[in-house]
Amino acid sequence: MRRHQHLLTITLLTIAGCADQSRISGSPPDDRVSEIAASAGVASANASAEKQYQVTIENMTMGQVFSPGVIATHTKSASVWEVGSQASEGIRKIAEDGDEATAVSELSGAPGVFEVISTVAPINRIGGPAGLPSSRTFTIGASANANRLSIAVMIICTNDGFTGISGVKLPGGFKPDSYLVGAWDSGTEQNNELFSQIVDPCQMAGPVPADPDGNGRVETIGGVIARHPNITGVGNLSVPLHGWQFPVARITVQRLR
């Protein structure tokens, strides 16, 4: 595992210093005039077909900060992550390192994917470091056929845990949909719960302080995405402080236009 932690670490320091899915909710020649007009008509039609949504991710835990992650709109046939399937390299890097760059790159321009955005900054735990919000809101586009939404953000004080939604249908009307979501394991790293194999921002954000060690050792496995077993206390993590109860997050989707 490559420990690309710099963006996550810097963002945490800067901001602080300043049932896993439940729905609740010249003029051209004459012979080119018609061609250009037709192209313009297609562009106009595509623009009018685009829909816009507001997505809010709210951290519902007291012991886990969420890393930067990825949000994507896509067709039903496209997939960002699926339970029972191997994690893509992009999802692996989110789940292990809180590094969303690979996922954004993989999904941008991929077949069936309409729009991809990074959540850019961490989302605080309840009662976490002052100045870091416990919810963030994003705007993303979609279309009539690309009407599915997927999200993945790392649960920072885990080896390879993440939360999000996978291929949920976007609301057709303007009434918001809300999802209470649980935790997932990418199946790519042993859950030994050792600070030496968990990103340093875990120690920095608390609730259990520890000196960052920069250690990059890792025990990799070739599993598949599955429900996360939660914190068990086998390593440095604290069950009462780092553990969680369902839901881990609330995700609310509201159509804007």
C-alpha atoms as a PDB file:
ATOM      1  CA  MET A   1       0.000   0.000   0.000  1.00  0.00           C
ATOM      2  CA  ARG A   2       1.360   3.419  -0.928  1.00  0.00           C
ATOM      3  CA  ARG A   3       0.690   5.889   1.879  1.00  0.00           C
ATOM      4  CA  HIS A   4      -0.402   9.017  -0.018  1.00  0.00           C
ATOM      5  CA  GLN A   5      -1.485  10.845   3.102  1.00  0.00           C
ATOM      6  CA  HIS A   6      -0.216  14.378   2.425  1.00  0.00           C
ATOM      7  CA  LEU A   7      -3.485  15.870   1.167  1.00  0.00           C
ATOM      8  CA  LEU A   8      -5.542  14.283   3.923  1.00  0.00           C
ATOM      9  CA  THR A   9      -3.028  15.279   6.606  1.00  0.00           C
ATOM     10  CA  ILE A  10      -2.623  18.876   5.449  1.00  0.00           C
ATOM     11  CA  THR A  11      -6.370  19.357   5.104  1.00  0.00           C
ATOM     12  CA  LEU A  12      -7.054  18.019   8.595  1.00  0.00           C
ATOM     13  CA  LEU A  13      -4.434  20.285  10.140  1.00  0.00           C
ATOM     14  CA  THR A  14      -5.461  23.370   8.177  1.00  0.00           C
ATOM     15  CA  ILE A  15      -9.199  23.091   8.783  1.00  0.00           C
ATOM     16  CA  ALA A  16      -8.898  22.095  12.426  1.00  0.00           C
ATOM     17  CA  GLY A  17      -6.441  24.887  13.070  1.00  0.00           C
ATOM     18  CA  CYS A  18      -8.452  27.654  11.469  1.00  0.00           C
ATOM     19  CA  ALA A  19     -28.847  -3.059   6.611  1.00  0.00           C
ATOM     20  CA  ASP A  20     -25.991  -0.858   5.169  1.00  0.00           C
ATOM     21  CA  GLN A  21     -28.200   1.105   2.808  1.00  0.00           C
ATOM     22  CA  SER A  22     -31.656   2.025   4.044  1.00  0.00           C
ATOM     23  CA  ARG A  23     -33.835   4.404   2.060  1.00  0.00           C
ATOM     24  CA  ILE A  24     -35.670   6.961   4.145  1.00  0.00           C
ATOM     25  CA  SER A  25     -36.188   8.619   2.022  1.00  0.00           C
ATOM     26  CA  GLY A  26     -16.002  33.575 -41.385  1.00  0.00           C
ATOM     27  CA  SER A  27     -19.497  32.095 -42.347  1.00  0.00           C
ATOM     28  CA  PRO A  28     -19.488  28.468 -43.347  1.00  0.00           C
ATOM     29  CA  PRO A  29     -20.416  27.206 -46.798  1.00  0.00           C
ATOM     30  CA  ASP A  30     -24.173  26.809 -47.346  1.00  0.00           C
ATOM     31  CA  ASP A  31     -23.967  23.033 -47.268  1.00  0.00           C
ATOM     32  CA  ARG A  32     -22.537  23.171 -43.706  1.00  0.00           C
ATOM     33  CA  VAL A  33     -25.145  25.481 -42.236  1.00  0.00           C
ATOM     34  CA  SER A  34     -27.617  22.688 -41.591  1.00  0.00           C
ATOM     35  CA  GLU A  35     -24.842  20.492 -40.142  1.00  0.00           C
ATOM     36  CA  ILE A  36     -23.789  23.182 -37.673  1.00  0.00           C
ATOM     37  CA  ALA A  37     -27.383  23.930 -36.755  1.00  0.00           C
ATOM     38  CA  ALA A  38     -28.025  20.247 -36.151  1.00  0.00           C
ATOM     39  CA  SER A  39     -24.925  19.991 -33.937  1.00  0.00           C
ATOM     40  CA  ALA A  40     -26.016  23.030 -31.970  1.00  0.00           C
ATOM     41  CA  GLY A  41     -29.428  21.454 -31.533  1.00  0.00           C
ATOM     42  CA  VAL A  42     -27.879  18.281 -30.149  1.00  0.00           C
ATOM     43  CA  ALA A  43     -25.746  20.271 -27.709  1.00  0.00           C
ATOM     44  CA  SER A  44     -28.764  22.252 -26.600  1.00  0.00           C
ATOM     45  CA  ALA A  45     -30.797  19.088 -26.125  1.00  0.00           C
ATOM     46  CA  ASN A  46     -28.009  17.511 -24.076  1.00  0.00           C
ATOM     47  CA  ALA A  47     -27.780  20.600 -21.890  1.00  0.00           C
ATOM     48  CA  SER A  48     -31.521  20.642 -21.285  1.00  0.00           C
ATOM     49  CA  ALA A  49     -31.469  16.927 -20.495  1.00  0.00           C
ATOM     50  CA  GLU A  50     -28.911  17.385 -17.736  1.00  0.00           C
ATOM     51  CA  LYS A  51     -30.231  17.335 -14.199  1.00  0.00           C
ATOM     52  CA  GLN A  52     -28.496  18.731 -11.149  1.00  0.00           C
ATOM     53  CA  TYR A  53     -28.464  17.277  -7.663  1.00  0.00           C
ATOM     54  CA  GLN A  54     -27.315  18.352  -4.235  1.00  0.00           C
ATOM     55  CA  VAL A  55     -25.673  15.600  -2.192  1.00  0.00           C
ATOM     56  CA  THR A  56     -25.078  15.947   1.543  1.00  0.00           C
ATOM     57  CA  ILE A  57     -22.856  13.512   3.455  1.00  0.00           C
ATOM     58  CA  GLU A  58     -23.289  13.637   7.222  1.00  0.00           C
ATOM     59  CA  ASN A  59     -21.019  11.790   9.646  1.00  0.00           C
ATOM     60  CA  MET A  60     -23.095  10.036  12.307  1.00  0.00           C
ATOM     61  CA  THR A  61     -20.212   8.623  14.370  1.00  0.00           C
ATOM     62  CA  MET A  62     -18.425   9.982  17.437  1.00  0.00           C
ATOM     63  CA  GLY A  63     -15.126   8.223  16.791  1.00  0.00           C
ATOM     64  CA  GLN A  64     -14.466   8.219  13.052  1.00  0.00           C
ATOM     65  CA  VAL A  65     -13.547  11.026  10.641  1.00  0.00           C
ATOM     66  CA  PHE A  66     -14.330  10.477   6.942  1.00  0.00           C
ATOM     67  CA  SER A  67     -11.571  11.023   4.394  1.00  0.00           C
ATOM     68  CA  PRO A  68     -11.847  12.800   1.045  1.00  0.00           C
ATOM     69  CA  GLY A  69     -13.624  10.476  -1.359  1.00  0.00           C
ATOM     70  CA  VAL A  70     -15.485  10.208  -4.635  1.00  0.00           C
ATOM     71  CA  ILE A  71     -19.039  10.894  -5.824  1.00  0.00           C
ATOM     72  CA  ALA A  72     -20.167   9.723  -9.277  1.00  0.00           C
ATOM     73  CA  THR A  73     -23.338   9.667 -11.348  1.00  0.00           C
ATOM     74  CA  HIS A  74     -23.606   6.850 -13.854  1.00  0.00           C
ATOM     75  CA  THR A  75     -25.866   4.487 -15.761  1.00  0.00           C
ATOM     76  CA  LYS A  76     -27.356   1.350 -14.248  1.00  0.00           C
ATOM     77  CA  SER A  77     -24.842  -0.807 -16.125  1.00  0.00           C
ATOM     78  CA  ALA A  78     -21.809   1.073 -14.805  1.00  0.00           C
ATOM     79  CA  SER A  79     -20.359   0.328 -11.386  1.00  0.00           C
ATOM     80  CA  VAL A  80     -18.167   2.202  -8.909  1.00  0.00           C
ATOM     81  CA  TRP A  81     -18.157  -0.507  -6.238  1.00  0.00           C
ATOM     82  CA  GLU A  82     -20.267  -3.556  -5.445  1.00  0.00           C
ATOM     83  CA  VAL A  83     -20.604  -5.813  -2.432  1.00  0.00           C
ATOM     84  CA  GLY A  84     -19.146  -9.224  -3.238  1.00  0.00           C
ATOM     85  CA  SER A  85     -16.820  -7.890  -5.935  1.00  0.00           C
ATOM     86  CA  GLN A  86     -13.140  -7.008  -5.742  1.00  0.00           C
ATOM     87  CA  ALA A  87     -12.430  -3.363  -5.060  1.00  0.00           C
ATOM     88  CA  SER A  88     -11.009  -1.328  -7.914  1.00  0.00           C
ATOM     89  CA  GLU A  89      -7.618   0.292  -7.390  1.00  0.00           C
ATOM     90  CA  GLY A  90      -9.409   3.596  -6.843  1.00  0.00           C
ATOM     91  CA  ILE A  91     -11.677   2.206  -4.133  1.00  0.00           C
ATOM     92  CA  ARG A  92      -8.732   0.404  -2.533  1.00  0.00           C
ATOM     93  CA  LYS A  93      -6.799   3.649  -2.230  1.00  0.00           C
ATOM     94  CA  ILE A  94      -9.790   5.426  -0.736  1.00  0.00           C
ATOM     95  CA  ALA A  95     -10.428   2.618   1.764  1.00  0.00           C
ATOM     96  CA  GLU A  96      -6.780   2.163   2.788  1.00  0.00           C
ATOM     97  CA  ASP A  97      -5.263   5.631   2.407  1.00  0.00           C
ATOM     98  CA  GLY A  98      -8.079   8.164   2.110  1.00  0.00           C
ATOM     99  CA  ASP A  99      -6.638   9.026  -1.314  1.00  0.00           C
ATOM    100  CA  GLU A 100      -9.382   9.676  -3.881  1.00  0.00           C
ATOM    101  CA  ALA A 101      -7.211  10.784  -6.836  1.00  0.00           C
ATOM    102  CA  THR A 102      -7.018   7.341  -8.481  1.00  0.00           C
ATOM    103  CA  ALA A 103     -10.773   6.763  -8.221  1.00  0.00           C
ATOM    104  CA  VAL A 104     -11.496  10.163  -9.767  1.00  0.00           C
ATOM    105  CA  SER A 105      -9.055   9.425 -12.586  1.00  0.00           C
ATOM    106  CA  GLU A 106     -10.385   5.897 -13.195  1.00  0.00           C
ATOM    107  CA  LEU A 107     -13.999   7.003 -13.345  1.00  0.00           C
ATOM    108  CA  SER A 108     -13.576  10.200 -15.356  1.00  0.00           C
ATOM    109  CA  GLY A 109     -14.572   9.357 -18.930  1.00  0.00           C
ATOM    110  CA  ALA A 110     -15.295   5.711 -18.087  1.00  0.00           C
ATOM    111  CA  PRO A 111     -18.177   4.101 -20.011  1.00  0.00           C
ATOM    112  CA  GLY A 112     -21.525   4.906 -18.450  1.00  0.00           C
ATOM    113  CA  VAL A 113     -20.138   7.513 -16.038  1.00  0.00           C
ATOM    114  CA  PHE A 114     -21.712  10.958 -16.378  1.00  0.00           C
ATOM    115  CA  GLU A 115     -19.881  13.081 -13.798  1.00  0.00           C
ATOM    116  CA  VAL A 116     -17.252  12.469 -11.128  1.00  0.00           C
ATOM    117  CA  ILE A 117     -16.277  14.802  -8.298  1.00  0.00           C
ATOM    118  CA  SER A 118     -13.924  14.633  -5.331  1.00  0.00           C
ATOM    119  CA  THR A 119     -15.261  15.480  -1.892  1.00  0.00           C
ATOM    120  CA  VAL A 120     -11.865  17.211  -1.421  1.00  0.00           C
ATOM    121  CA  ALA A 121     -11.827  17.533   2.379  1.00  0.00           C
ATOM    122  CA  PRO A 122     -12.475  15.348   5.427  1.00  0.00           C
ATOM    123  CA  ILE A 123     -15.842  15.195   7.190  1.00  0.00           C
ATOM    124  CA  ASN A 124     -15.610  15.450  10.957  1.00  0.00           C
ATOM    125  CA  ARG A 125     -16.825  13.019  13.566  1.00  0.00           C
ATOM    126  CA  ILE A 126     -19.442  14.255  16.029  1.00  0.00           C
ATOM    127  CA  GLY A 127     -17.555  16.202  18.689  1.00  0.00           C
ATOM    128  CA  GLY A 128     -14.344  16.117  16.669  1.00  0.00           C
ATOM    129  CA  PRO A 129     -11.713  18.820  16.045  1.00  0.00           C
ATOM    130  CA  ALA A 130     -13.182  22.324  16.002  1.00  0.00           C
ATOM    131  CA  GLY A 131     -13.388  23.973  12.593  1.00  0.00           C
ATOM    132  CA  LEU A 132     -13.959  20.745  10.688  1.00  0.00           C
ATOM    133  CA  PRO A 133     -17.642  20.290   9.736  1.00  0.00           C
ATOM    134  CA  SER A 134     -19.423  17.013  10.369  1.00  0.00           C
ATOM    135  CA  SER A 135     -21.377  17.305   7.109  1.00  0.00           C
ATOM    136  CA  ARG A 136     -20.575  18.574   3.628  1.00  0.00           C
ATOM    137  CA  THR A 137     -22.776  19.319   0.632  1.00  0.00           C
ATOM    138  CA  PHE A 138     -21.852  18.863  -3.031  1.00  0.00           C
ATOM    139  CA  THR A 139     -23.483  19.514  -6.406  1.00  0.00           C
ATOM    140  CA  ILE A 140     -23.294  16.999  -9.248  1.00  0.00           C
ATOM    141  CA  GLY A 141     -24.932  16.553 -12.637  1.00  0.00           C
ATOM    142  CA  ALA A 142     -26.808  13.573 -14.037  1.00  0.00           C
ATOM    143  CA  SER A 143     -28.993  12.714 -17.033  1.00  0.00           C
ATOM    144  CA  ALA A 144     -32.027  10.662 -17.939  1.00  0.00           C
ATOM    145  CA  ASN A 145     -30.050   7.466 -18.556  1.00  0.00           C
ATOM    146  CA  ALA A 146     -27.213   8.190 -16.112  1.00  0.00           C
ATOM    147  CA  ASN A 147     -29.515   8.300 -13.114  1.00  0.00           C
ATOM    148  CA  ARG A 148     -27.531   6.326 -10.535  1.00  0.00           C
ATOM    149  CA  LEU A 149     -25.361   7.638  -7.705  1.00  0.00           C
ATOM    150  CA  SER A 150     -22.368   6.074  -5.978  1.00  0.00           C
ATOM    151  CA  ILE A 151     -20.209   7.441  -3.147  1.00  0.00           C
ATOM    152  CA  ALA A 152     -17.160   6.159  -1.254  1.00  0.00           C
ATOM    153  CA  VAL A 153     -15.235   7.827   1.587  1.00  0.00           C
ATOM    154  CA  MET A 154     -12.761   6.198   3.972  1.00  0.00           C
ATOM    155  CA  ILE A 155     -13.576   5.644   7.627  1.00  0.00           C
ATOM    156  CA  ILE A 156     -10.180   6.908   8.723  1.00  0.00           C
ATOM    157  CA  CYS A 157      -9.476   4.876  11.876  1.00  0.00           C
ATOM    158  CA  THR A 158      -9.718   1.522  10.075  1.00  0.00           C
ATOM    159  CA  ASN A 159      -7.352  -0.502   7.939  1.00  0.00           C
ATOM    160  CA  ASP A 160      -9.541  -0.496   4.838  1.00  0.00           C
ATOM    161  CA  GLY A 161     -13.031   0.558   5.871  1.00  0.00           C
ATOM    162  CA  PHE A 162     -15.265   2.942   3.973  1.00  0.00           C
ATOM    163  CA  THR A 163     -18.842   4.125   3.807  1.00  0.00           C
ATOM    164  CA  GLY A 164     -21.082   5.289   0.986  1.00  0.00           C
ATOM    165  CA  ILE A 165     -23.745   4.113  -1.412  1.00  0.00           C
ATOM    166  CA  SER A 166     -23.570   1.989  -4.543  1.00  0.00           C
ATOM    167  CA  GLY A 167     -25.719   2.630  -7.608  1.00  0.00           C
ATOM    168  CA  VAL A 168     -28.795   4.043  -5.869  1.00  0.00           C
ATOM    169  CA  LYS A 169     -31.370   5.594  -8.159  1.00  0.00           C
ATOM    170  CA  LEU A 170     -31.478   9.381  -8.153  1.00  0.00           C
ATOM    171  CA  PRO A 171     -34.821  10.973  -7.288  1.00  0.00           C
ATOM    172  CA  GLY A 172     -36.824  11.882 -10.373  1.00  0.00           C
ATOM    173  CA  GLY A 173     -38.814  14.556  -8.579  1.00  0.00           C
ATOM    174  CA  PHE A 174     -37.775  17.308  -6.221  1.00  0.00           C
ATOM    175  CA  LYS A 175     -38.537  15.514  -2.970  1.00  0.00           C
ATOM    176  CA  PRO A 176     -35.220  14.583  -1.290  1.00  0.00           C
ATOM    177  CA  ASP A 177     -34.180  10.974  -0.713  1.00  0.00           C
ATOM    178  CA  SER A 178     -32.234  10.150   2.434  1.00  0.00           C
ATOM    179  CA  TYR A 179     -30.148   7.033   3.084  1.00  0.00           C
ATOM    180  CA  LEU A 180     -28.805   5.729   6.368  1.00  0.00           C
ATOM    181  CA  VAL A 181     -25.673   3.777   5.524  1.00  0.00           C
ATOM    182  CA  GLY A 182     -23.317   1.429   7.300  1.00  0.00           C
ATOM    183  CA  ALA A 183     -19.662   0.500   6.942  1.00  0.00           C
ATOM    184  CA  TRP A 184     -17.949  -1.583   4.289  1.00  0.00           C
ATOM    185  CA  ASP A 185     -14.599  -3.347   4.135  1.00  0.00           C
ATOM    186  CA  SER A 186     -12.714  -3.231   0.832  1.00  0.00           C
ATOM    187  CA  GLY A 187     -11.248  -6.695   1.461  1.00  0.00           C
ATOM    188  CA  THR A 188      -7.735  -5.542   0.578  1.00  0.00           C
ATOM    189  CA  GLU A 189      -6.021  -5.286   3.969  1.00  0.00           C
ATOM    190  CA  GLN A 190      -5.963  -7.243   7.201  1.00  0.00           C
ATOM    191  CA  ASN A 191      -8.036  -5.647   9.952  1.00  0.00           C
ATOM    192  CA  ASN A 192      -5.240  -5.703  12.525  1.00  0.00           C
ATOM    193  CA  GLU A 193      -6.218  -2.247  13.846  1.00  0.00           C
ATOM    194  CA  LEU A 194      -2.578  -1.217  14.324  1.00  0.00           C
ATOM    195  CA  PHE A 195      -1.666   2.461  14.156  1.00  0.00           C
ATOM    196  CA  SER A 196       1.431   1.422  12.177  1.00  0.00           C
ATOM    197  CA  GLN A 197      -0.867   0.249   9.354  1.00  0.00           C
ATOM    198  CA  ILE A 198      -3.532   2.961   9.583  1.00  0.00           C
ATOM    199  CA  VAL A 199      -3.178   6.459   8.128  1.00  0.00           C
ATOM    200  CA  ASP A 200      -1.604   8.944  10.532  1.00  0.00           C
ATOM    201  CA  PRO A 201      -4.592  11.362  10.453  1.00  0.00           C
ATOM    202  CA  CYS A 202      -6.408   8.764  12.576  1.00  0.00           C
ATOM    203  CA  GLN A 203      -4.150   9.593  15.496  1.00  0.00           C
ATOM    204  CA  MET A 204      -4.258  13.313  14.699  1.00  0.00           C
ATOM    205  CA  ALA A 205      -8.050  13.538  14.604  1.00  0.00           C
ATOM    206  CA  GLY A 206      -8.627  11.415  17.707  1.00  0.00           C
ATOM    207  CA  PRO A 207     -10.462  10.436  19.753  1.00  0.00           C
ATOM    208  CA  VAL A 208      -7.365   8.442  20.818  1.00  0.00           C
ATOM    209  CA  PRO A 209      -4.179  10.525  20.421  1.00  0.00           C
ATOM    210  CA  ALA A 210      -0.958   8.910  19.261  1.00  0.00           C
ATOM    211  CA  ASP A 211       2.214  10.102  17.585  1.00  0.00           C
ATOM    212  CA  PRO A 212       2.203   9.733  13.771  1.00  0.00           C
ATOM    213  CA  ASP A 213       4.691   7.039  12.820  1.00  0.00           C
ATOM    214  CA  GLY A 214       4.784   7.183   9.019  1.00  0.00           C
ATOM    215  CA  ASN A 215       5.091   3.420   8.929  1.00  0.00           C
ATOM    216  CA  GLY A 216       4.070   1.901   5.597  1.00  0.00           C
ATOM    217  CA  ARG A 217       3.940  -1.773   6.508  1.00  0.00           C
ATOM    218  CA  VAL A 218       0.817  -3.526   5.370  1.00  0.00           C
ATOM    219  CA  GLU A 219      -0.662  -7.016   5.293  1.00  0.00           C
ATOM    220  CA  THR A 220      -2.603  -7.268   2.060  1.00  0.00           C
ATOM    221  CA  ILE A 221      -5.296  -9.782   1.227  1.00  0.00           C
ATOM    222  CA  GLY A 222      -7.240 -10.571  -1.933  1.00  0.00           C
ATOM    223  CA  GLY A 223     -10.761 -10.434  -0.624  1.00  0.00           C
ATOM    224  CA  VAL A 224     -13.938  -8.772  -1.828  1.00  0.00           C
ATOM    225  CA  ILE A 225     -16.031  -5.865  -0.592  1.00  0.00           C
ATOM    226  CA  ALA A 226     -18.162  -6.937   2.353  1.00  0.00           C
ATOM    227  CA  ARG A 227     -19.831  -5.583   5.455  1.00  0.00           C
ATOM    228  CA  HIS A 228     -17.223  -4.200   7.850  1.00  0.00           C
ATOM    229  CA  PRO A 229     -16.933  -6.203  11.100  1.00  0.00           C
ATOM    230  CA  ASN A 230     -16.554  -2.949  13.122  1.00  0.00           C
ATOM    231  CA  ILE A 231     -13.707  -2.271  15.550  1.00  0.00           C
ATOM    232  CA  THR A 232     -12.858  -5.382  17.568  1.00  0.00           C
ATOM    233  CA  GLY A 233      -9.980  -4.179  19.776  1.00  0.00           C
ATOM    234  CA  VAL A 234      -7.340  -6.570  18.427  1.00  0.00           C
ATOM    235  CA  GLY A 235      -4.796  -3.771  17.951  1.00  0.00           C
ATOM    236  CA  ASN A 236      -4.438  -0.133  18.976  1.00  0.00           C
ATOM    237  CA  LEU A 237      -7.995   0.933  18.244  1.00  0.00           C
ATOM    238  CA  SER A 238     -10.524   1.299  21.047  1.00  0.00           C
ATOM    239  CA  VAL A 239     -13.869  -0.457  20.705  1.00  0.00           C
ATOM    240  CA  PRO A 240     -15.816   2.125  22.744  1.00  0.00           C
ATOM    241  CA  LEU A 241     -14.059   5.147  21.206  1.00  0.00           C
ATOM    242  CA  HIS A 242     -13.445   4.114  17.590  1.00  0.00           C
ATOM    243  CA  GLY A 243     -16.344   1.710  17.185  1.00  0.00           C
ATOM    244  CA  TRP A 244     -19.716   2.699  15.782  1.00  0.00           C
ATOM    245  CA  GLN A 245     -23.370   1.827  15.762  1.00  0.00           C
ATOM    246  CA  PHE A 246     -25.560   1.910  12.666  1.00  0.00           C
ATOM    247  CA  PRO A 247     -25.848   4.282  10.895  1.00  0.00           C
ATOM    248  CA  VAL A 248     -22.319   5.419  10.127  1.00  0.00           C
ATOM    249  CA  ALA A 249     -23.537   8.169   7.788  1.00  0.00           C
ATOM    250  CA  ARG A 250     -26.636   9.832   6.441  1.00  0.00           C
ATOM    251  CA  ILE A 251     -26.636  10.726   2.749  1.00  0.00           C
ATOM    252  CA  THR A 252     -29.327  13.055   1.459  1.00  0.00           C
ATOM    253  CA  VAL A 253     -29.940  13.621  -2.254  1.00  0.00           C
ATOM    254  CA  GLN A 254     -32.027  16.569  -3.451  1.00  0.00           C
ATOM    255  CA  ARG A 255     -32.763  17.380  -7.089  1.00  0.00           C
ATOM    256  CA  LEU A 256     -32.115  21.053  -7.890  1.00  0.00           C
ATOM    257  CA  ARG A 257     -33.147  21.147 -11.548  1.00  0.00           C
END
